[in-house]
Amino acid sequence: MRLVTLRNATAPVVAVNDVVIGNAAIAREVQNHAGADARQGWHEATRALVVRELLAQRARALGLTAVPQSVDGCRETEEEALIRALLEAEVRTPRADEEVCRRYYLTNPARFRSPDLFEPVHILFQAAREDEAAFARALERARAVLDEVLADPGRFGALARALSDCPSASEGGRLGQVTRGETTPEFEAALVSLDENETWPEPVRTRYGVHVLRLERKVAGHVLPFEQVRGRIARYLEESSWRRAVAQYVALLAGQAKIDGFDLPGATTPLVQ
């Protein structure tokens, strides 16, 4: 809070076409911007209010009116409704038709691929990494059990039920279906390298302890059919186009306005398509 006060004391007067945006208003707006520090938060809040004032002034100059609506369960303010009406009136973006969506689908297949599914089993010997003695004992136990598993993979379930410190012990060490990102990095690195019915040849060290790991089944992901993702593609393309068009529109207004105390890049030629 003290940092914001210091920033207020030294901040230049911010005005849009001679309409002053006071420090008190900026301070209230800061709470809506999770900047890396107080200075960045103040900058983002000031930018938001400058853009809002630009849009509101343009809407009033055009004589627009609007009735506040409920958006995502929140009631708009009169100014927010006015800005919405302005953007609806002045910003036009193309619809994402079948051809555009299909072209995006064909050039970005990785975005529409279902994840690989892994069905691992493991035996956990729990120990904190920072407890060197306990971790060494867990590692020794894991190596001994791993030798047994490699000699007779059919014993994995029984050994897991008898020895594992994970709740999955009651299921013979089965973790169900997991995808990338759902386990620790060390566990995942070993898991994705295994073939079905293969045991990792070394104990796997993680922050939870030491694991004996085996992969029972893997279901490879596949590219989803275009028809299944067409709506998602259209929404993404149209939202991206809208954001770019609004940014260009704001730049055009900034280029035509007199803005003091804040640097908002402006354009001098129409860019909105």
C-alpha atoms as a PDB file:
ATOM      1  CA  MET A   1       0.000   0.000   0.000  1.00  0.00           C
ATOM      2  CA  ARG A   2       2.876   2.354   0.763  1.00  0.00           C
ATOM      3  CA  LEU A   3       4.338   1.677  -2.705  1.00  0.00           C
ATOM      4  CA  VAL A   4       1.072   2.705  -4.352  1.00  0.00           C
ATOM      5  CA  THR A   5       0.968   5.906  -2.295  1.00  0.00           C
ATOM      6  CA  LEU A   6       4.515   6.764  -3.351  1.00  0.00           C
ATOM      7  CA  ARG A   7       3.603   6.107  -6.939  1.00  0.00           C
ATOM      8  CA  ASN A   8       0.555   8.369  -6.631  1.00  0.00           C
ATOM      9  CA  ALA A   9       2.660  11.206  -5.273  1.00  0.00           C
ATOM     10  CA  THR A  10       5.042  11.181  -8.229  1.00  0.00           C
ATOM     11  CA  ALA A  11       2.697  10.178 -11.050  1.00  0.00           C
ATOM     12  CA  PRO A  12       2.084  12.743 -13.824  1.00  0.00           C
ATOM     13  CA  VAL A  13      -1.425  14.048 -14.408  1.00  0.00           C
ATOM     14  CA  VAL A  14      -3.186  11.687 -16.800  1.00  0.00           C
ATOM     15  CA  ALA A  15      -5.821  13.139 -19.118  1.00  0.00           C
ATOM     16  CA  VAL A  16      -7.649  12.118 -22.282  1.00  0.00           C
ATOM     17  CA  ASN A  17      -8.730  15.068 -24.394  1.00  0.00           C
ATOM     18  CA  ASP A  18      -8.377  17.227 -21.253  1.00  0.00           C
ATOM     19  CA  VAL A  19     -10.550  14.879 -19.154  1.00  0.00           C
ATOM     20  CA  VAL A  20      -8.401  14.115 -16.101  1.00  0.00           C
ATOM     21  CA  ILE A  21      -8.149  10.563 -14.758  1.00  0.00           C
ATOM     22  CA  GLY A  22      -7.387  11.064 -11.079  1.00  0.00           C
ATOM     23  CA  ASN A  23      -4.955   9.091  -8.964  1.00  0.00           C
ATOM     24  CA  ALA A  24      -7.806   7.930  -6.736  1.00  0.00           C
ATOM     25  CA  ALA A  25      -9.538   6.303  -9.703  1.00  0.00           C
ATOM     26  CA  ILE A  26      -6.298   4.628 -10.775  1.00  0.00           C
ATOM     27  CA  ALA A  27      -5.698   3.364  -7.238  1.00  0.00           C
ATOM     28  CA  ARG A  28      -9.174   1.766  -7.203  1.00  0.00           C
ATOM     29  CA  GLU A  29      -8.514   0.164 -10.595  1.00  0.00           C
ATOM     30  CA  VAL A  30      -5.169  -1.330  -9.498  1.00  0.00           C
ATOM     31  CA  GLN A  31      -6.951  -4.117  -7.618  1.00  0.00           C
ATOM     32  CA  ASN A  32      -8.185  -5.471 -10.971  1.00  0.00           C
ATOM     33  CA  HIS A  33      -4.656  -5.876 -12.339  1.00  0.00           C
ATOM     34  CA  ALA A  34      -2.329  -8.491 -10.914  1.00  0.00           C
ATOM     35  CA  GLY A  35       0.920  -6.848 -12.006  1.00  0.00           C
ATOM     36  CA  ALA A  36       4.330  -8.258 -11.094  1.00  0.00           C
ATOM     37  CA  ASP A  37       4.858  -5.301  -8.762  1.00  0.00           C
ATOM     38  CA  ALA A  38       3.178  -2.063  -7.690  1.00  0.00           C
ATOM     39  CA  ARG A  39       4.645  -0.075 -10.571  1.00  0.00           C
ATOM     40  CA  GLN A  40       3.429  -2.500 -13.212  1.00  0.00           C
ATOM     41  CA  GLY A  41      -0.005  -2.747 -11.587  1.00  0.00           C
ATOM     42  CA  TRP A  42      -0.287   1.047 -11.607  1.00  0.00           C
ATOM     43  CA  HIS A  43       0.720   1.139 -15.285  1.00  0.00           C
ATOM     44  CA  GLU A  44      -1.838  -1.502 -16.283  1.00  0.00           C
ATOM     45  CA  ALA A  45      -4.587   0.208 -14.297  1.00  0.00           C
ATOM     46  CA  THR A  46      -3.798   3.557 -15.914  1.00  0.00           C
ATOM     47  CA  ARG A  47      -3.840   2.031 -19.369  1.00  0.00           C
ATOM     48  CA  ALA A  48      -7.219   0.413 -18.721  1.00  0.00           C
ATOM     49  CA  LEU A  49      -8.738   3.710 -17.614  1.00  0.00           C
ATOM     50  CA  VAL A  50      -7.238   5.625 -20.545  1.00  0.00           C
ATOM     51  CA  VAL A  51      -8.679   3.076 -23.003  1.00  0.00           C
ATOM     52  CA  ARG A  52     -12.037   3.151 -21.219  1.00  0.00           C
ATOM     53  CA  GLU A  53     -12.158   6.942 -21.386  1.00  0.00           C
ATOM     54  CA  LEU A  54     -11.247   6.940 -25.083  1.00  0.00           C
ATOM     55  CA  LEU A  55     -14.076   4.516 -25.857  1.00  0.00           C
ATOM     56  CA  ALA A  56     -16.611   6.295 -23.654  1.00  0.00           C
ATOM     57  CA  GLN A  57     -15.814   9.653 -25.257  1.00  0.00           C
ATOM     58  CA  ARG A  58     -16.229   8.164 -28.734  1.00  0.00           C
ATOM     59  CA  ALA A  59     -19.560   6.584 -27.780  1.00  0.00           C
ATOM     60  CA  ARG A  60     -20.871   9.889 -26.410  1.00  0.00           C
ATOM     61  CA  ALA A  61     -19.641  11.747 -29.502  1.00  0.00           C
ATOM     62  CA  LEU A  62     -21.693   9.370 -31.655  1.00  0.00           C
ATOM     63  CA  GLY A  63     -24.744   9.901 -29.450  1.00  0.00           C
ATOM     64  CA  LEU A  64     -25.021   6.220 -28.591  1.00  0.00           C
ATOM     65  CA  THR A  65     -27.202   4.929 -25.793  1.00  0.00           C
ATOM     66  CA  ALA A  66     -27.373   1.485 -24.235  1.00  0.00           C
ATOM     67  CA  VAL A  67     -29.262  -0.346 -21.526  1.00  0.00           C
ATOM     68  CA  PRO A  68     -27.022  -2.232 -19.058  1.00  0.00           C
ATOM     69  CA  GLN A  69     -27.254  -6.001 -19.339  1.00  0.00           C
ATOM     70  CA  SER A  70     -26.205  -8.927 -17.203  1.00  0.00           C
ATOM     71  CA  VAL A  71     -22.962 -10.440 -18.512  1.00  0.00           C
ATOM     72  CA  ASP A  72     -21.745 -13.683 -16.941  1.00  0.00           C
ATOM     73  CA  GLY A  73     -23.988 -13.021 -13.962  1.00  0.00           C
ATOM     74  CA  CYS A  74     -22.732  -9.462 -13.403  1.00  0.00           C
ATOM     75  CA  ARG A  75     -24.710  -6.339 -14.179  1.00  0.00           C
ATOM     76  CA  GLU A  76     -22.971  -3.879 -16.500  1.00  0.00           C
ATOM     77  CA  THR A  77     -22.448  -0.285 -15.462  1.00  0.00           C
ATOM     78  CA  GLU A  78     -23.868   2.376 -17.735  1.00  0.00           C
ATOM     79  CA  GLU A  79     -20.389   3.106 -19.070  1.00  0.00           C
ATOM     80  CA  GLU A  80     -19.700  -0.567 -19.764  1.00  0.00           C
ATOM     81  CA  ALA A  81     -23.002  -0.830 -21.649  1.00  0.00           C
ATOM     82  CA  LEU A  82     -22.116   2.268 -23.668  1.00  0.00           C
ATOM     83  CA  ILE A  83     -18.708   0.848 -24.611  1.00  0.00           C
ATOM     84  CA  ARG A  84     -20.279  -2.473 -25.577  1.00  0.00           C
ATOM     85  CA  ALA A  85     -22.711  -0.644 -27.849  1.00  0.00           C
ATOM     86  CA  LEU A  86     -19.840   1.319 -29.395  1.00  0.00           C
ATOM     87  CA  LEU A  87     -17.802  -1.778 -30.200  1.00  0.00           C
ATOM     88  CA  GLU A  88     -20.846  -3.544 -31.619  1.00  0.00           C
ATOM     89  CA  ALA A  89     -21.492  -0.545 -33.859  1.00  0.00           C
ATOM     90  CA  GLU A  90     -17.979   0.235 -35.031  1.00  0.00           C
ATOM     91  CA  VAL A  91     -15.922  -2.965 -34.930  1.00  0.00           C
ATOM     92  CA  ARG A  92     -16.676  -5.546 -37.592  1.00  0.00           C
ATOM     93  CA  THR A  93     -14.931  -8.899 -37.834  1.00  0.00           C
ATOM     94  CA  PRO A  94     -15.502 -11.767 -40.269  1.00  0.00           C
ATOM     95  CA  ARG A  95     -17.188 -15.006 -39.297  1.00  0.00           C
ATOM     96  CA  ALA A  96     -15.044 -18.120 -39.331  1.00  0.00           C
ATOM     97  CA  ASP A  97     -16.627 -20.122 -42.143  1.00  0.00           C
ATOM     98  CA  GLU A  98     -16.152 -23.799 -42.969  1.00  0.00           C
ATOM     99  CA  GLU A  99     -13.170 -23.230 -45.257  1.00  0.00           C
ATOM    100  CA  VAL A 100     -11.289 -21.060 -42.760  1.00  0.00           C
ATOM    101  CA  CYS A 101     -11.930 -23.478 -39.901  1.00  0.00           C
ATOM    102  CA  ARG A 102     -10.877 -26.504 -41.922  1.00  0.00           C
ATOM    103  CA  ARG A 103      -7.678 -24.795 -43.063  1.00  0.00           C
ATOM    104  CA  TYR A 104      -6.785 -24.012 -39.449  1.00  0.00           C
ATOM    105  CA  TYR A 105      -7.575 -27.602 -38.473  1.00  0.00           C
ATOM    106  CA  LEU A 106      -5.311 -29.036 -41.176  1.00  0.00           C
ATOM    107  CA  THR A 107      -2.388 -26.750 -40.356  1.00  0.00           C
ATOM    108  CA  ASN A 108      -2.576 -27.269 -36.565  1.00  0.00           C
ATOM    109  CA  PRO A 109      -3.265 -30.989 -36.041  1.00  0.00           C
ATOM    110  CA  ALA A 110      -1.397 -31.162 -32.712  1.00  0.00           C
ATOM    111  CA  ARG A 111      -3.959 -28.779 -31.155  1.00  0.00           C
ATOM    112  CA  PHE A 112      -6.748 -31.272 -31.770  1.00  0.00           C
ATOM    113  CA  ARG A 113      -5.076 -34.482 -30.698  1.00  0.00           C
ATOM    114  CA  SER A 114      -6.483 -36.378 -27.749  1.00  0.00           C
ATOM    115  CA  PRO A 115      -3.867 -37.103 -25.052  1.00  0.00           C
ATOM    116  CA  ASP A 116      -2.036 -40.389 -24.692  1.00  0.00           C
ATOM    117  CA  LEU A 117      -3.446 -42.451 -21.807  1.00  0.00           C
ATOM    118  CA  PHE A 118      -1.180 -44.493 -19.546  1.00  0.00           C
ATOM    119  CA  GLU A 119      -2.197 -47.158 -17.039  1.00  0.00           C
ATOM    120  CA  PRO A 120       0.779 -47.564 -14.674  1.00  0.00           C
ATOM    121  CA  VAL A 121       1.233 -49.639 -11.569  1.00  0.00           C
ATOM    122  CA  HIS A 122       3.763 -48.698  -8.933  1.00  0.00           C
ATOM    123  CA  ILE A 123       5.127 -49.543  -5.532  1.00  0.00           C
ATOM    124  CA  LEU A 124       6.007 -46.509  -3.422  1.00  0.00           C
ATOM    125  CA  PHE A 125       8.560 -46.479  -0.636  1.00  0.00           C
ATOM    126  CA  GLN A 126       7.771 -43.162   0.952  1.00  0.00           C
ATOM    127  CA  ALA A 127      10.596 -40.939   2.179  1.00  0.00           C
ATOM    128  CA  ALA A 128      11.392 -37.216   2.166  1.00  0.00           C
ATOM    129  CA  ARG A 129      14.252 -36.262  -0.173  1.00  0.00           C
ATOM    130  CA  GLU A 130      15.779 -34.018   2.502  1.00  0.00           C
ATOM    131  CA  ASP A 131      15.978 -36.955   4.948  1.00  0.00           C
ATOM    132  CA  GLU A 132      19.063 -38.584   3.474  1.00  0.00           C
ATOM    133  CA  ALA A 133      19.060 -41.642   5.713  1.00  0.00           C
ATOM    134  CA  ALA A 134      15.370 -42.411   5.176  1.00  0.00           C
ATOM    135  CA  PHE A 135      15.656 -41.844   1.447  1.00  0.00           C
ATOM    136  CA  ALA A 136      18.666 -44.172   1.235  1.00  0.00           C
ATOM    137  CA  ARG A 137      16.699 -46.904   3.037  1.00  0.00           C
ATOM    138  CA  ALA A 138      13.742 -46.407   0.669  1.00  0.00           C
ATOM    139  CA  LEU A 139      16.069 -46.645  -2.315  1.00  0.00           C
ATOM    140  CA  GLU A 140      17.608 -49.871  -0.988  1.00  0.00           C
ATOM    141  CA  ARG A 141      14.168 -51.427  -0.441  1.00  0.00           C
ATOM    142  CA  ALA A 142      13.030 -50.353  -3.901  1.00  0.00           C
ATOM    143  CA  ARG A 143      16.065 -51.937  -5.548  1.00  0.00           C
ATOM    144  CA  ALA A 144      15.439 -55.219  -3.769  1.00  0.00           C
ATOM    145  CA  VAL A 145      11.756 -55.285  -4.794  1.00  0.00           C
ATOM    146  CA  LEU A 146      12.625 -54.232  -8.345  1.00  0.00           C
ATOM    147  CA  ASP A 147      14.887 -57.286  -8.644  1.00  0.00           C
ATOM    148  CA  GLU A 148      11.955 -59.476  -7.626  1.00  0.00           C
ATOM    149  CA  VAL A 149       9.620 -57.795 -10.129  1.00  0.00           C
ATOM    150  CA  LEU A 150      12.098 -58.109 -12.980  1.00  0.00           C
ATOM    151  CA  ALA A 151      12.530 -61.788 -12.172  1.00  0.00           C
ATOM    152  CA  ASP A 152       8.770 -62.422 -11.928  1.00  0.00           C
ATOM    153  CA  PRO A 153       6.524 -59.566 -13.221  1.00  0.00           C
ATOM    154  CA  GLY A 154       3.443 -61.542 -12.196  1.00  0.00           C
ATOM    155  CA  ARG A 155       4.215 -60.816  -8.535  1.00  0.00           C
ATOM    156  CA  PHE A 156       3.904 -57.033  -8.948  1.00  0.00           C
ATOM    157  CA  GLY A 157       0.333 -56.786  -7.639  1.00  0.00           C
ATOM    158  CA  ALA A 158       1.004 -58.891  -4.566  1.00  0.00           C
ATOM    159  CA  LEU A 159       4.170 -56.963  -3.741  1.00  0.00           C
ATOM    160  CA  ALA A 160       2.343 -53.646  -4.141  1.00  0.00           C
ATOM    161  CA  ARG A 161      -0.445 -54.750  -1.789  1.00  0.00           C
ATOM    162  CA  ALA A 162       2.071 -55.914   0.783  1.00  0.00           C
ATOM    163  CA  LEU A 163       4.690 -53.166   0.616  1.00  0.00           C
ATOM    164  CA  SER A 164       3.547 -49.962  -1.085  1.00  0.00           C
ATOM    165  CA  ASP A 165       3.037 -46.819   0.987  1.00  0.00           C
ATOM    166  CA  CYS A 166       0.587 -45.415  -1.596  1.00  0.00           C
ATOM    167  CA  PRO A 167      -3.202 -45.746  -1.175  1.00  0.00           C
ATOM    168  CA  SER A 168      -3.122 -47.543  -4.532  1.00  0.00           C
ATOM    169  CA  ALA A 169      -1.646 -50.539  -2.687  1.00  0.00           C
ATOM    170  CA  SER A 170      -5.152 -51.888  -2.143  1.00  0.00           C
ATOM    171  CA  GLU A 171      -5.546 -51.946  -5.947  1.00  0.00           C
ATOM    172  CA  GLY A 172      -2.287 -53.738  -6.545  1.00  0.00           C
ATOM    173  CA  GLY A 173      -0.498 -50.463  -7.252  1.00  0.00           C
ATOM    174  CA  ARG A 174      -2.840 -49.420 -10.072  1.00  0.00           C
ATOM    175  CA  LEU A 175      -3.136 -45.651 -10.551  1.00  0.00           C
ATOM    176  CA  GLY A 176      -5.844 -45.793 -13.189  1.00  0.00           C
ATOM    177  CA  GLN A 177      -5.518 -43.806 -16.400  1.00  0.00           C
ATOM    178  CA  VAL A 178      -3.165 -40.828 -16.278  1.00  0.00           C
ATOM    179  CA  THR A 179      -2.035 -38.335 -18.912  1.00  0.00           C
ATOM    180  CA  ARG A 180       1.026 -36.159 -19.288  1.00  0.00           C
ATOM    181  CA  GLY A 181       1.230 -33.501 -16.603  1.00  0.00           C
ATOM    182  CA  GLU A 182      -0.661 -35.475 -13.951  1.00  0.00           C
ATOM    183  CA  THR A 183       2.369 -37.019 -12.230  1.00  0.00           C
ATOM    184  CA  THR A 184       5.731 -35.693 -11.075  1.00  0.00           C
ATOM    185  CA  PRO A 185       8.253 -34.904 -13.848  1.00  0.00           C
ATOM    186  CA  GLU A 186      10.570 -37.744 -12.819  1.00  0.00           C
ATOM    187  CA  PHE A 187       7.733 -40.272 -12.735  1.00  0.00           C
ATOM    188  CA  GLU A 188       6.397 -39.055 -16.080  1.00  0.00           C
ATOM    189  CA  ALA A 189       9.799 -39.170 -17.788  1.00  0.00           C
ATOM    190  CA  ALA A 190      10.092 -42.857 -16.961  1.00  0.00           C
ATOM    191  CA  LEU A 191       6.440 -43.631 -17.659  1.00  0.00           C
ATOM    192  CA  VAL A 192       6.293 -42.207 -21.190  1.00  0.00           C
ATOM    193  CA  SER A 193       9.454 -44.117 -22.123  1.00  0.00           C
ATOM    194  CA  LEU A 194       7.950 -47.525 -21.301  1.00  0.00           C
ATOM    195  CA  ASP A 195       6.229 -49.945 -23.613  1.00  0.00           C
ATOM    196  CA  GLU A 196       3.222 -51.931 -22.467  1.00  0.00           C
ATOM    197  CA  ASN A 197       4.033 -54.614 -19.889  1.00  0.00           C
ATOM    198  CA  GLU A 198       7.502 -53.176 -19.350  1.00  0.00           C
ATOM    199  CA  THR A 199       9.114 -52.311 -15.986  1.00  0.00           C
ATOM    200  CA  TRP A 200      11.413 -49.330 -15.589  1.00  0.00           C
ATOM    201  CA  PRO A 201      14.885 -50.837 -14.902  1.00  0.00           C
ATOM    202  CA  GLU A 202      15.797 -48.417 -12.089  1.00  0.00           C
ATOM    203  CA  PRO A 203      13.983 -47.104  -9.019  1.00  0.00           C
ATOM    204  CA  VAL A 204      12.261 -43.785  -9.820  1.00  0.00           C
ATOM    205  CA  ARG A 205      13.170 -41.037  -7.355  1.00  0.00           C
ATOM    206  CA  THR A 206      10.528 -38.340  -6.729  1.00  0.00           C
ATOM    207  CA  ARG A 207       9.665 -35.892  -3.950  1.00  0.00           C
ATOM    208  CA  TYR A 208       7.289 -38.509  -2.524  1.00  0.00           C
ATOM    209  CA  GLY A 209       9.929 -41.198  -2.225  1.00  0.00           C
ATOM    210  CA  VAL A 210      11.151 -44.038  -4.429  1.00  0.00           C
ATOM    211  CA  HIS A 211       8.944 -45.937  -6.863  1.00  0.00           C
ATOM    212  CA  VAL A 212       9.077 -49.253  -8.655  1.00  0.00           C
ATOM    213  CA  LEU A 213       7.215 -48.541 -11.881  1.00  0.00           C
ATOM    214  CA  ARG A 214       5.595 -50.686 -14.515  1.00  0.00           C
ATOM    215  CA  LEU A 215       3.326 -49.789 -17.441  1.00  0.00           C
ATOM    216  CA  GLU A 216       0.413 -52.152 -17.972  1.00  0.00           C
ATOM    217  CA  ARG A 217      -1.319 -50.395 -20.872  1.00  0.00           C
ATOM    218  CA  LYS A 218      -0.983 -47.384 -23.144  1.00  0.00           C
ATOM    219  CA  VAL A 219      -3.685 -45.912 -25.370  1.00  0.00           C
ATOM    220  CA  ALA A 220      -2.169 -43.630 -27.985  1.00  0.00           C
ATOM    221  CA  GLY A 221      -3.920 -40.337 -28.606  1.00  0.00           C
ATOM    222  CA  HIS A 222      -5.386 -39.487 -31.991  1.00  0.00           C
ATOM    223  CA  VAL A 223      -6.411 -36.420 -33.935  1.00  0.00           C
ATOM    224  CA  LEU A 224     -10.055 -35.632 -33.230  1.00  0.00           C
ATOM    225  CA  PRO A 225     -12.427 -35.460 -36.210  1.00  0.00           C
ATOM    226  CA  PHE A 226     -12.945 -31.996 -37.693  1.00  0.00           C
ATOM    227  CA  GLU A 227     -16.680 -32.167 -37.013  1.00  0.00           C
ATOM    228  CA  GLN A 228     -15.990 -32.637 -33.305  1.00  0.00           C
ATOM    229  CA  VAL A 229     -13.815 -29.522 -32.978  1.00  0.00           C
ATOM    230  CA  ARG A 230     -15.261 -27.238 -35.646  1.00  0.00           C
ATOM    231  CA  GLY A 231     -17.219 -25.149 -33.116  1.00  0.00           C
ATOM    232  CA  ARG A 232     -14.181 -24.736 -30.882  1.00  0.00           C
ATOM    233  CA  ILE A 233     -12.064 -23.611 -33.835  1.00  0.00           C
ATOM    234  CA  ALA A 234     -14.668 -21.090 -34.964  1.00  0.00           C
ATOM    235  CA  ARG A 235     -14.941 -19.576 -31.479  1.00  0.00           C
ATOM    236  CA  TYR A 236     -11.177 -19.333 -31.146  1.00  0.00           C
ATOM    237  CA  LEU A 237     -10.672 -17.705 -34.548  1.00  0.00           C
ATOM    238  CA  GLU A 238     -13.534 -15.259 -34.099  1.00  0.00           C
ATOM    239  CA  GLU A 239     -12.445 -14.263 -30.585  1.00  0.00           C
ATOM    240  CA  SER A 240      -8.852 -13.775 -31.776  1.00  0.00           C
ATOM    241  CA  SER A 241     -10.036 -11.685 -34.707  1.00  0.00           C
ATOM    242  CA  TRP A 242     -12.242  -9.604 -32.383  1.00  0.00           C
ATOM    243  CA  ARG A 243      -9.404  -8.920 -29.938  1.00  0.00           C
ATOM    244  CA  ARG A 244      -7.093  -7.812 -32.747  1.00  0.00           C
ATOM    245  CA  ALA A 245      -9.772  -5.581 -34.253  1.00  0.00           C
ATOM    246  CA  VAL A 246     -10.565  -3.933 -30.921  1.00  0.00           C
ATOM    247  CA  ALA A 247      -6.857  -3.307 -30.301  1.00  0.00           C
ATOM    248  CA  GLN A 248      -6.575  -1.703 -33.740  1.00  0.00           C
ATOM    249  CA  TYR A 249      -9.672   0.396 -33.087  1.00  0.00           C
ATOM    250  CA  VAL A 250      -8.278   1.639 -29.769  1.00  0.00           C
ATOM    251  CA  ALA A 251      -4.989   2.474 -31.496  1.00  0.00           C
ATOM    252  CA  LEU A 252      -6.887   4.500 -34.080  1.00  0.00           C
ATOM    253  CA  LEU A 253      -8.755   6.441 -31.387  1.00  0.00           C
ATOM    254  CA  ALA A 254      -5.501   7.025 -29.507  1.00  0.00           C
ATOM    255  CA  GLY A 255      -3.878   8.381 -32.645  1.00  0.00           C
ATOM    256  CA  GLN A 256      -6.685  10.943 -32.977  1.00  0.00           C
ATOM    257  CA  ALA A 257      -6.788  11.907 -29.292  1.00  0.00           C
ATOM    258  CA  LYS A 258      -4.766  14.159 -27.004  1.00  0.00           C
ATOM    259  CA  ILE A 259      -3.423  11.965 -24.227  1.00  0.00           C
ATOM    260  CA  ASP A 260      -1.339  13.493 -21.447  1.00  0.00           C
ATOM    261  CA  GLY A 261       0.678  11.716 -18.772  1.00  0.00           C
ATOM    262  CA  PHE A 262       0.561   8.259 -20.344  1.00  0.00           C
ATOM    263  CA  ASP A 263       2.068   6.747 -23.492  1.00  0.00           C
ATOM    264  CA  LEU A 264      -0.598   4.847 -25.417  1.00  0.00           C
ATOM    265  CA  PRO A 265       0.637   4.044 -28.936  1.00  0.00           C
ATOM    266  CA  GLY A 266      -1.772   5.257 -31.581  1.00  0.00           C
ATOM    267  CA  ALA A 267      -2.353   4.743 -35.280  1.00  0.00           C
ATOM    268  CA  THR A 268      -2.988   7.531 -37.751  1.00  0.00           C
ATOM    269  CA  THR A 269      -4.649   5.416 -40.451  1.00  0.00           C
ATOM    270  CA  PRO A 270      -7.659   3.085 -40.210  1.00  0.00           C
ATOM    271  CA  LEU A 271      -6.628  -0.504 -39.471  1.00  0.00           C
ATOM    272  CA  VAL A 272      -9.894  -2.211 -38.592  1.00  0.00           C
ATOM    273  CA  GLN A 273     -11.096  -4.644 -41.220  1.00  0.00           C
END
